[in-house]
Amino acid sequence: MFCADYISSFIFHGLLSLGIIHNQQVQNVKTVENTFAFPVFLGSLAGFLGAASVFPFDFVRRGVIQGKIQFRHSLSTVPYSGVFFGLYFCFRGEKTSSQVPWALASAASACLAEIPFDKAKQAMMGSRRTMLMMNGMYIPFGALMLVMYDKALINYRNKIKSKTDS
């Protein structure tokens, strides 16, 4: 995943999460949100929306992939975001001691999930092995971003909850 894909998937995940937070009083939302598949679906949807929003401006892939670039070339963001957000939000707790290991595990797993689908990165790096090593360098950064993002969501959710309780 390239930087714009990464940022846009975070933005869309945040927007979708804010919509869910504001609809917490609806029983159907609470029921669906607590299922295993929901965080994976939400992450995948955020990745799809991120890829769709970045696609018209994706000059990196256009310069690297030979022939006509199609939207499917941008879809490596979908498995990455699905695993990245899905795995993390399925299993993490609200304490940092739980968040950090799950953030590292989800960032590493997301890097692995992306490798078979990212043809542009493979073309730039030459082999999947090199791609794996380069993706591995981003794991600590991705984990850090995920924990900070989660802390912001938890704080926002608690503020909304305290307003509705009072």
C-alpha atoms as a PDB file:
ATOM      1  CA  MET A   1       0.000   0.000   0.000  1.00  0.00           C
ATOM      2  CA  PHE A   2       1.274   3.435  -0.855  1.00  0.00           C
ATOM      3  CA  CYS A   3       0.973   6.477   1.397  1.00  0.00           C
ATOM      4  CA  ALA A   4      -2.149   7.960  -0.187  1.00  0.00           C
ATOM      5  CA  ASP A   5      -3.966   4.603   0.020  1.00  0.00           C
ATOM      6  CA  TYR A   6      -2.927   4.244   3.643  1.00  0.00           C
ATOM      7  CA  ILE A   7      -4.074   7.726   4.621  1.00  0.00           C
ATOM      8  CA  SER A   8      -7.341   7.517   2.710  1.00  0.00           C
ATOM      9  CA  SER A   9      -8.230   4.151   4.261  1.00  0.00           C
ATOM     10  CA  PHE A  10      -7.648   5.639   7.736  1.00  0.00           C
ATOM     11  CA  ILE A  11      -9.851   8.631   6.837  1.00  0.00           C
ATOM     12  CA  PHE A  12     -12.672   6.437   5.554  1.00  0.00           C
ATOM     13  CA  HIS A  13     -12.389   4.063   8.504  1.00  0.00           C
ATOM     14  CA  GLY A  14     -12.610   7.071  10.809  1.00  0.00           C
ATOM     15  CA  LEU A  15     -15.664   8.455   9.039  1.00  0.00           C
ATOM     16  CA  LEU A  16     -17.398   5.077   9.101  1.00  0.00           C
ATOM     17  CA  SER A  17     -16.479   4.610  12.769  1.00  0.00           C
ATOM     18  CA  LEU A  18     -17.819   8.054  13.674  1.00  0.00           C
ATOM     19  CA  GLY A  19     -21.109   7.157  12.018  1.00  0.00           C
ATOM     20  CA  ILE A  20     -21.267   3.991  14.097  1.00  0.00           C
ATOM     21  CA  ILE A  21     -20.387   5.843  17.299  1.00  0.00           C
ATOM     22  CA  HIS A  22     -23.204   8.324  16.698  1.00  0.00           C
ATOM     23  CA  ASN A  23     -25.669   5.471  16.138  1.00  0.00           C
ATOM     24  CA  GLN A  24     -24.767   3.489  19.265  1.00  0.00           C
ATOM     25  CA  GLN A  25     -28.264   3.873  20.663  1.00  0.00           C
ATOM     26  CA  VAL A  26     -29.696   1.765  17.838  1.00  0.00           C
ATOM     27  CA  GLN A  27     -29.819  -1.854  19.021  1.00  0.00           C
ATOM     28  CA  ASN A  28     -29.117  -3.278  15.556  1.00  0.00           C
ATOM     29  CA  VAL A  29     -25.844  -1.336  15.378  1.00  0.00           C
ATOM     30  CA  LYS A  30     -24.705  -2.678  18.753  1.00  0.00           C
ATOM     31  CA  THR A  31     -25.557  -6.248  17.757  1.00  0.00           C
ATOM     32  CA  VAL A  32     -23.771  -6.108  14.389  1.00  0.00           C
ATOM     33  CA  GLU A  33     -20.751  -4.209  15.739  1.00  0.00           C
ATOM     34  CA  ASN A  34     -19.965  -6.991  18.221  1.00  0.00           C
ATOM     35  CA  THR A  35     -19.662  -9.722  15.590  1.00  0.00           C
ATOM     36  CA  PHE A  36     -16.284 -11.053  14.427  1.00  0.00           C
ATOM     37  CA  ALA A  37     -16.886 -10.195  10.761  1.00  0.00           C
ATOM     38  CA  PHE A  38     -17.881  -6.566  11.291  1.00  0.00           C
ATOM     39  CA  PRO A  39     -14.395  -5.068  11.913  1.00  0.00           C
ATOM     40  CA  VAL A  40     -13.036  -6.979   8.905  1.00  0.00           C
ATOM     41  CA  PHE A  41     -15.924  -5.753   6.751  1.00  0.00           C
ATOM     42  CA  LEU A  42     -15.502  -2.165   7.976  1.00  0.00           C
ATOM     43  CA  GLY A  43     -11.751  -2.281   7.302  1.00  0.00           C
ATOM     44  CA  SER A  44     -12.270  -3.774   3.845  1.00  0.00           C
ATOM     45  CA  LEU A  45     -14.899  -1.166   3.013  1.00  0.00           C
ATOM     46  CA  ALA A  46     -12.549   1.598   4.176  1.00  0.00           C
ATOM     47  CA  GLY A  47      -9.808   0.110   1.992  1.00  0.00           C
ATOM     48  CA  PHE A  48     -12.133  -0.070  -1.010  1.00  0.00           C
ATOM     49  CA  LEU A  49     -13.298   3.518  -0.554  1.00  0.00           C
ATOM     50  CA  GLY A  50      -9.704   4.643  -0.042  1.00  0.00           C
ATOM     51  CA  ALA A  51      -8.572   2.867  -3.212  1.00  0.00           C
ATOM     52  CA  ALA A  52     -11.490   4.329  -5.181  1.00  0.00           C
ATOM     53  CA  SER A  53     -10.749   7.863  -4.022  1.00  0.00           C
ATOM     54  CA  VAL A  54      -7.022   7.635  -4.779  1.00  0.00           C
ATOM     55  CA  PHE A  55      -7.277   5.735  -8.077  1.00  0.00           C
ATOM     56  CA  PRO A  56      -7.727   8.757 -10.385  1.00  0.00           C
ATOM     57  CA  PHE A  57      -4.550  10.305  -8.950  1.00  0.00           C
ATOM     58  CA  ASP A  58      -2.447   7.146  -8.698  1.00  0.00           C
ATOM     59  CA  PHE A  59       0.571   8.185 -10.760  1.00  0.00           C
ATOM     60  CA  VAL A  60       2.896   5.689  -9.064  1.00  0.00           C
ATOM     61  CA  ARG A  61       1.005   2.669 -10.333  1.00  0.00           C
ATOM     62  CA  ARG A  62       0.578   4.255 -13.756  1.00  0.00           C
ATOM     63  CA  GLY A  63       4.321   4.733 -13.998  1.00  0.00           C
ATOM     64  CA  VAL A  64       5.260   1.257 -12.789  1.00  0.00           C
ATOM     65  CA  ILE A  65       2.685  -1.127 -14.244  1.00  0.00           C
ATOM     66  CA  GLN A  66       3.118  -1.732 -17.963  1.00  0.00           C
ATOM     67  CA  GLY A  67       0.038  -1.366 -20.134  1.00  0.00           C
ATOM     68  CA  LYS A  68      -3.300   0.098 -19.192  1.00  0.00           C
ATOM     69  CA  ILE A  69      -3.804   0.502 -15.444  1.00  0.00           C
ATOM     70  CA  GLN A  70      -7.202  -0.617 -14.231  1.00  0.00           C
ATOM     71  CA  PHE A  71      -9.029  -0.069 -10.953  1.00  0.00           C
ATOM     72  CA  ARG A  72      -8.273  -3.651  -9.913  1.00  0.00           C
ATOM     73  CA  HIS A  73      -4.588  -2.697  -9.661  1.00  0.00           C
ATOM     74  CA  SER A  74      -5.483  -0.409  -6.738  1.00  0.00           C
ATOM     75  CA  LEU A  75      -7.449  -3.032  -4.850  1.00  0.00           C
ATOM     76  CA  SER A  76      -4.480  -4.353  -2.842  1.00  0.00           C
ATOM     77  CA  THR A  77      -5.644  -1.771  -0.309  1.00  0.00           C
ATOM     78  CA  VAL A  78      -8.760  -3.849   0.402  1.00  0.00           C
ATOM     79  CA  PRO A  79      -7.093  -6.966   1.873  1.00  0.00           C
ATOM     80  CA  TYR A  80      -4.510  -4.790   3.606  1.00  0.00           C
ATOM     81  CA  SER A  81      -7.127  -2.635   5.341  1.00  0.00           C
ATOM     82  CA  GLY A  82      -9.441  -5.561   6.022  1.00  0.00           C
ATOM     83  CA  VAL A  83      -6.720  -7.420   7.901  1.00  0.00           C
ATOM     84  CA  PHE A  84      -5.125  -4.300   9.408  1.00  0.00           C
ATOM     85  CA  PHE A  85      -8.299  -2.875  10.951  1.00  0.00           C
ATOM     86  CA  GLY A  86     -10.231  -6.136  11.210  1.00  0.00           C
ATOM     87  CA  LEU A  87      -7.720  -8.185  13.158  1.00  0.00           C
ATOM     88  CA  TYR A  88      -6.884  -5.308  15.468  1.00  0.00           C
ATOM     89  CA  PHE A  89     -10.424  -4.238  16.326  1.00  0.00           C
ATOM     90  CA  CYS A  90     -11.580  -7.854  16.767  1.00  0.00           C
ATOM     91  CA  PHE A  91      -9.107  -8.689  19.509  1.00  0.00           C
ATOM     92  CA  ARG A  92      -7.619  -5.606  21.165  1.00  0.00           C
ATOM     93  CA  GLY A  93      -8.682  -4.348  24.567  1.00  0.00           C
ATOM     94  CA  GLU A  94      -8.915  -0.726  25.640  1.00  0.00           C
ATOM     95  CA  LYS A  95      -5.603  -0.740  27.519  1.00  0.00           C
ATOM     96  CA  THR A  96      -2.312   0.006  25.803  1.00  0.00           C
ATOM     97  CA  SER A  97      -0.842  -3.287  27.019  1.00  0.00           C
ATOM     98  CA  SER A  98      -3.432  -5.078  24.886  1.00  0.00           C
ATOM     99  CA  GLN A  99      -3.402  -2.657  21.970  1.00  0.00           C
ATOM    100  CA  VAL A 100       0.323  -2.689  21.161  1.00  0.00           C
ATOM    101  CA  PRO A 101       0.732  -6.451  20.579  1.00  0.00           C
ATOM    102  CA  TRP A 102      -2.461  -6.610  18.521  1.00  0.00           C
ATOM    103  CA  ALA A 103      -1.394  -3.559  16.516  1.00  0.00           C
ATOM    104  CA  LEU A 104       1.960  -5.197  15.722  1.00  0.00           C
ATOM    105  CA  ALA A 105       0.265  -8.484  14.808  1.00  0.00           C
ATOM    106  CA  SER A 106      -2.311  -6.780  12.603  1.00  0.00           C
ATOM    107  CA  ALA A 107       0.285  -4.601  10.849  1.00  0.00           C
ATOM    108  CA  ALA A 108       2.458  -7.660  10.133  1.00  0.00           C
ATOM    109  CA  SER A 109      -0.527  -9.700   8.952  1.00  0.00           C
ATOM    110  CA  ALA A 110      -1.747  -6.859   6.741  1.00  0.00           C
ATOM    111  CA  CYS A 111       1.651  -6.662   5.057  1.00  0.00           C
ATOM    112  CA  LEU A 112       1.442 -10.372   4.304  1.00  0.00           C
ATOM    113  CA  ALA A 113      -2.143 -10.079   3.054  1.00  0.00           C
ATOM    114  CA  GLU A 114      -1.205  -7.329   0.607  1.00  0.00           C
ATOM    115  CA  ILE A 115       1.780  -9.031  -1.054  1.00  0.00           C
ATOM    116  CA  PRO A 116      -0.067 -11.270  -3.559  1.00  0.00           C
ATOM    117  CA  PHE A 117      -2.203  -8.367  -4.808  1.00  0.00           C
ATOM    118  CA  ASP A 118       0.162  -5.386  -5.102  1.00  0.00           C
ATOM    119  CA  LYS A 119       1.580  -5.724  -8.607  1.00  0.00           C
ATOM    120  CA  ALA A 120       3.043  -2.200  -8.654  1.00  0.00           C
ATOM    121  CA  LYS A 121       5.110  -2.727  -5.530  1.00  0.00           C
ATOM    122  CA  GLN A 122       6.285  -6.100  -6.815  1.00  0.00           C
ATOM    123  CA  ALA A 123       7.313  -4.513 -10.122  1.00  0.00           C
ATOM    124  CA  MET A 124       9.296  -1.810  -8.278  1.00  0.00           C
ATOM    125  CA  MET A 125      11.001  -4.195  -5.864  1.00  0.00           C
ATOM    126  CA  GLY A 126      11.615  -7.088  -8.209  1.00  0.00           C
ATOM    127  CA  SER A 127      10.604  -9.971  -5.965  1.00  0.00           C
ATOM    128  CA  ARG A 128       8.133 -10.851  -3.256  1.00  0.00           C
ATOM    129  CA  ARG A 129      10.986 -11.489  -0.857  1.00  0.00           C
ATOM    130  CA  THR A 130      12.271  -7.920  -1.233  1.00  0.00           C
ATOM    131  CA  MET A 131       8.713  -6.677  -0.987  1.00  0.00           C
ATOM    132  CA  LEU A 132       8.242  -8.601   2.262  1.00  0.00           C
ATOM    133  CA  MET A 133      11.414  -7.139   3.744  1.00  0.00           C
ATOM    134  CA  MET A 134      10.452  -3.590   2.739  1.00  0.00           C
ATOM    135  CA  ASN A 135       6.900  -3.993   4.066  1.00  0.00           C
ATOM    136  CA  GLY A 136       8.372  -5.268   7.325  1.00  0.00           C
ATOM    137  CA  MET A 137      10.039  -1.917   7.853  1.00  0.00           C
ATOM    138  CA  TYR A 138       6.618  -0.255   8.011  1.00  0.00           C
ATOM    139  CA  ILE A 139       5.179  -2.589  10.660  1.00  0.00           C
ATOM    140  CA  PRO A 140       6.225  -0.518  13.731  1.00  0.00           C
ATOM    141  CA  PHE A 141       4.967   2.701  12.127  1.00  0.00           C
ATOM    142  CA  GLY A 142       1.653   1.110  11.169  1.00  0.00           C
ATOM    143  CA  ALA A 143       1.221  -0.298  14.672  1.00  0.00           C
ATOM    144  CA  LEU A 144       1.960   3.083  16.240  1.00  0.00           C
ATOM    145  CA  MET A 145      -0.529   4.845  13.958  1.00  0.00           C
ATOM    146  CA  LEU A 146      -3.182   2.237  14.723  1.00  0.00           C
ATOM    147  CA  VAL A 147      -2.814   2.558  18.505  1.00  0.00           C
ATOM    148  CA  MET A 148      -2.923   6.386  18.350  1.00  0.00           C
ATOM    149  CA  TYR A 149      -5.971   6.241  16.067  1.00  0.00           C
ATOM    150  CA  ASP A 150      -7.689   3.791  18.415  1.00  0.00           C
ATOM    151  CA  LYS A 151      -6.955   5.994  21.448  1.00  0.00           C
ATOM    152  CA  ALA A 152      -8.607   8.909  19.631  1.00  0.00           C
ATOM    153  CA  LEU A 153     -11.671   6.771  18.790  1.00  0.00           C
ATOM    154  CA  ILE A 154     -11.952   5.534  22.386  1.00  0.00           C
ATOM    155  CA  ASN A 155     -11.719   9.097  23.751  1.00  0.00           C
ATOM    156  CA  TYR A 156     -14.332  10.316  21.286  1.00  0.00           C
ATOM    157  CA  ARG A 157     -16.655   7.396  22.048  1.00  0.00           C
ATOM    158  CA  ASN A 158     -16.327   8.080  25.799  1.00  0.00           C
ATOM    159  CA  LYS A 159     -17.132  11.788  25.310  1.00  0.00           C
ATOM    160  CA  ILE A 160     -20.239  10.955  23.294  1.00  0.00           C
ATOM    161  CA  LYS A 161     -21.279   8.346  25.844  1.00  0.00           C
ATOM    162  CA  SER A 162     -20.849  10.768  28.768  1.00  0.00           C
ATOM    163  CA  LYS A 163     -22.958  13.384  26.949  1.00  0.00           C
ATOM    164  CA  THR A 164     -25.775  10.917  26.293  1.00  0.00           C
ATOM    165  CA  ASP A 165     -25.639   9.551  29.852  1.00  0.00           C
ATOM    166  CA  SER A 166     -26.027  12.969  31.446  1.00  0.00           C
END
